[in-house]
Amino acid sequence: MSMVDNSNGDESDDEKEKKEILQCMKCFNRLYVVASFSVQLYYEKYILKQPRMDSKQSTKAWI
């Protein structure tokens, strides 16, 4: 009878462990999405910028 109690306890421990692992995976996935979005936003805002055109590049002379 004690073996049955231990196996039930083990199953609940296994289920708890699986739930904890799933929770950690969900948190990691959220963190990954947020980090990816942040990197993309940084790239678009600071790295992908087009340089300003000065008068030489625009071929318009100041009067």
Foldseek 3Di string as FASTA:
>chain_A
DVVVVVVVVVVVVVVVVVVVVVVVVVVVVVVVVVVVVVVVVCCVPPVPDDDDDDCVRVVDDDD
